[in-house]
Structures are given as C-alpha cells and as structure tokens.
Amino acid sequence: MGYYNSFVVKIWTEDGQNLTRGYIQHVGTQESIYFADWEKMANFMLSHLNWHVNGDIGDEAKQPLPNPRGGESSLWEQS
C-alpha cells in the first residue's frame, strides 16, 4: 500500500508587487510555515514525505518538480 500525505497550500500576491507568498500546512501533523520562494515550500513537503533512505533523499525526490505554468523549467526556477 502507498504512503500518503496531505497538505493545505495557500498562495497569494501582494498588491502592486511582483512577489508571491504562501502558506503550507501538513494536515497530519498540523505543522505549517510561510514561504516566499518555491524551494522553501518544496523542502517543507519533502521533509514530510517517505523518500528518506539512510538519511538521504531518494533519487526520485531529487528530480525537479514540473513548472505548473508548463514549459521545461523546474518549479523553483523563476520565469
């Protein structure tokens, strides 16, 4: 059987600024953080996933997440 995690993610932009901010909460532990960059959000998610093997992140976790806007850039590259 698989291993599942649920997260609540809220993302917003500040009026008049080209800055995206967000909030993420792990549903199971209720742990949460605010973030201003995608890498901090991704690291929070990775810290809750079962991809850790002998203290290292598994190879599948090291693959870049897809850009939600499409294209070839990874999630934490700014477009």
C-alpha atoms as a PDB file:
ATOM      1  CA  MET A   1       0.000   0.000   0.000  1.00  0.00           C
ATOM      2  CA  GLY A   2       1.171   3.526  -0.707  1.00  0.00           C
ATOM      3  CA  TYR A   3       2.221   6.223   1.686  1.00  0.00           C
ATOM      4  CA  TYR A   4       0.100   9.375   1.548  1.00  0.00           C
ATOM      5  CA  ASN A   5       0.433  12.927   2.828  1.00  0.00           C
ATOM      6  CA  SER A   6      -1.987  15.819   2.565  1.00  0.00           C
ATOM      7  CA  PHE A   7      -1.059  19.488   2.505  1.00  0.00           C
ATOM      8  CA  VAL A   8      -3.075  22.706   2.543  1.00  0.00           C
ATOM      9  CA  VAL A   9      -1.383  25.334   0.367  1.00  0.00           C
ATOM     10  CA  LYS A  10      -2.419  28.981   0.071  1.00  0.00           C
ATOM     11  CA  ILE A  11      -0.652  31.258  -2.420  1.00  0.00           C
ATOM     12  CA  TRP A  12      -1.184  34.971  -2.950  1.00  0.00           C
ATOM     13  CA  THR A  13       0.467  38.048  -4.437  1.00  0.00           C
ATOM     14  CA  GLU A  14       0.896  41.378  -2.733  1.00  0.00           C
ATOM     15  CA  ASP A  15      -0.897  44.312  -4.396  1.00  0.00           C
ATOM     16  CA  GLY A  16       1.380  46.249  -6.714  1.00  0.00           C
ATOM     17  CA  GLN A  17       4.324  43.921  -6.157  1.00  0.00           C
ATOM     18  CA  ASN A  18       5.720  41.144  -8.293  1.00  0.00           C
ATOM     19  CA  LEU A  19       6.115  38.940  -5.216  1.00  0.00           C
ATOM     20  CA  THR A  20       4.350  35.669  -4.494  1.00  0.00           C
ATOM     21  CA  ARG A  21       3.948  34.483  -0.929  1.00  0.00           C
ATOM     22  CA  GLY A  22       2.403  31.388   0.513  1.00  0.00           C
ATOM     23  CA  TYR A  23       1.462  29.217   3.441  1.00  0.00           C
ATOM     24  CA  ILE A  24       1.639  25.442   3.637  1.00  0.00           C
ATOM     25  CA  GLN A  25       0.365  23.109   6.329  1.00  0.00           C
ATOM     26  CA  HIS A  26       0.896  19.361   6.661  1.00  0.00           C
ATOM     27  CA  VAL A  27      -2.555  18.046   7.541  1.00  0.00           C
ATOM     28  CA  GLY A  28      -1.366  15.046   9.556  1.00  0.00           C
ATOM     29  CA  THR A  29       0.971  16.926  11.913  1.00  0.00           C
ATOM     30  CA  GLN A  30      -0.595  20.413  11.666  1.00  0.00           C
ATOM     31  CA  GLU A  31       2.957  21.752  11.184  1.00  0.00           C
ATOM     32  CA  SER A  32       2.999  24.835   8.948  1.00  0.00           C
ATOM     33  CA  ILE A  33       5.272  27.512   7.500  1.00  0.00           C
ATOM     34  CA  TYR A  34       5.003  30.701   5.471  1.00  0.00           C
ATOM     35  CA  PHE A  35       7.219  30.947   2.394  1.00  0.00           C
ATOM     36  CA  ALA A  36       8.301  33.469  -0.204  1.00  0.00           C
ATOM     37  CA  ASP A  37      10.053  31.063  -2.566  1.00  0.00           C
ATOM     38  CA  TRP A  38       9.146  27.721  -4.125  1.00  0.00           C
ATOM     39  CA  GLU A  39      12.235  25.971  -2.804  1.00  0.00           C
ATOM     40  CA  LYS A  40      11.220  26.554   0.819  1.00  0.00           C
ATOM     41  CA  MET A  41       7.763  25.118   0.080  1.00  0.00           C
ATOM     42  CA  ALA A  42       9.234  22.103  -1.732  1.00  0.00           C
ATOM     43  CA  ASN A  43      11.720  21.435   1.079  1.00  0.00           C
ATOM     44  CA  PHE A  44       8.878  21.517   3.610  1.00  0.00           C
ATOM     45  CA  MET A  45       6.947  18.965   1.567  1.00  0.00           C
ATOM     46  CA  LEU A  46       9.996  16.751   1.064  1.00  0.00           C
ATOM     47  CA  SER A  47      10.659  16.770   4.799  1.00  0.00           C
ATOM     48  CA  HIS A  48       7.255  15.112   5.329  1.00  0.00           C
ATOM     49  CA  LEU A  49       7.471  12.522   2.552  1.00  0.00           C
ATOM     50  CA  ASN A  50       8.685   8.968   2.951  1.00  0.00           C
ATOM     51  CA  TRP A  51      11.563   9.342   0.443  1.00  0.00           C
ATOM     52  CA  HIS A  52      14.349   9.394   3.022  1.00  0.00           C
ATOM     53  CA  VAL A  53      16.685   6.423   2.810  1.00  0.00           C
ATOM     54  CA  ASN A  54      19.574   6.232   5.314  1.00  0.00           C
ATOM     55  CA  GLY A  55      19.246   9.967   5.981  1.00  0.00           C
ATOM     56  CA  ASP A  56      19.452  10.892   2.282  1.00  0.00           C
ATOM     57  CA  ILE A  57      16.653  11.918  -0.038  1.00  0.00           C
ATOM     58  CA  GLY A  58      15.963   9.200  -2.596  1.00  0.00           C
ATOM     59  CA  ASP A  59      16.741   9.736  -6.293  1.00  0.00           C
ATOM     60  CA  GLU A  60      13.067  10.202  -7.201  1.00  0.00           C
ATOM     61  CA  ALA A  61      12.843  13.140  -4.773  1.00  0.00           C
ATOM     62  CA  LYS A  62      15.851  14.840  -6.373  1.00  0.00           C
ATOM     63  CA  GLN A  63      14.054  15.195  -9.717  1.00  0.00           C
ATOM     64  CA  PRO A  64      12.783  18.755 -10.335  1.00  0.00           C
ATOM     65  CA  LEU A  65       9.069  19.282  -9.956  1.00  0.00           C
ATOM     66  CA  PRO A  66       7.272  20.359 -13.154  1.00  0.00           C
ATOM     67  CA  ASN A  67       6.533  24.009 -13.789  1.00  0.00           C
ATOM     68  CA  PRO A  68       2.769  24.449 -13.150  1.00  0.00           C
ATOM     69  CA  ARG A  69       2.684  27.010 -15.966  1.00  0.00           C
ATOM     70  CA  GLY A  70       4.069  24.480 -18.454  1.00  0.00           C
ATOM     71  CA  GLY A  71       7.347  24.681 -20.249  1.00  0.00           C
ATOM     72  CA  GLU A  72      10.595  22.991 -19.400  1.00  0.00           C
ATOM     73  CA  SER A  73      11.708  24.895 -16.295  1.00  0.00           C
ATOM     74  CA  SER A  74      11.580  23.289 -12.867  1.00  0.00           C
ATOM     75  CA  LEU A  75       9.291  24.525 -10.100  1.00  0.00           C
ATOM     76  CA  TRP A  76      11.941  26.590  -8.341  1.00  0.00           C
ATOM     77  CA  GLU A  77      13.301  28.327 -11.436  1.00  0.00           C
ATOM     78  CA  GLN A  78      11.801  31.770 -11.739  1.00  0.00           C
ATOM     79  CA  SER A  79      10.135  32.578 -15.034  1.00  0.00           C
END
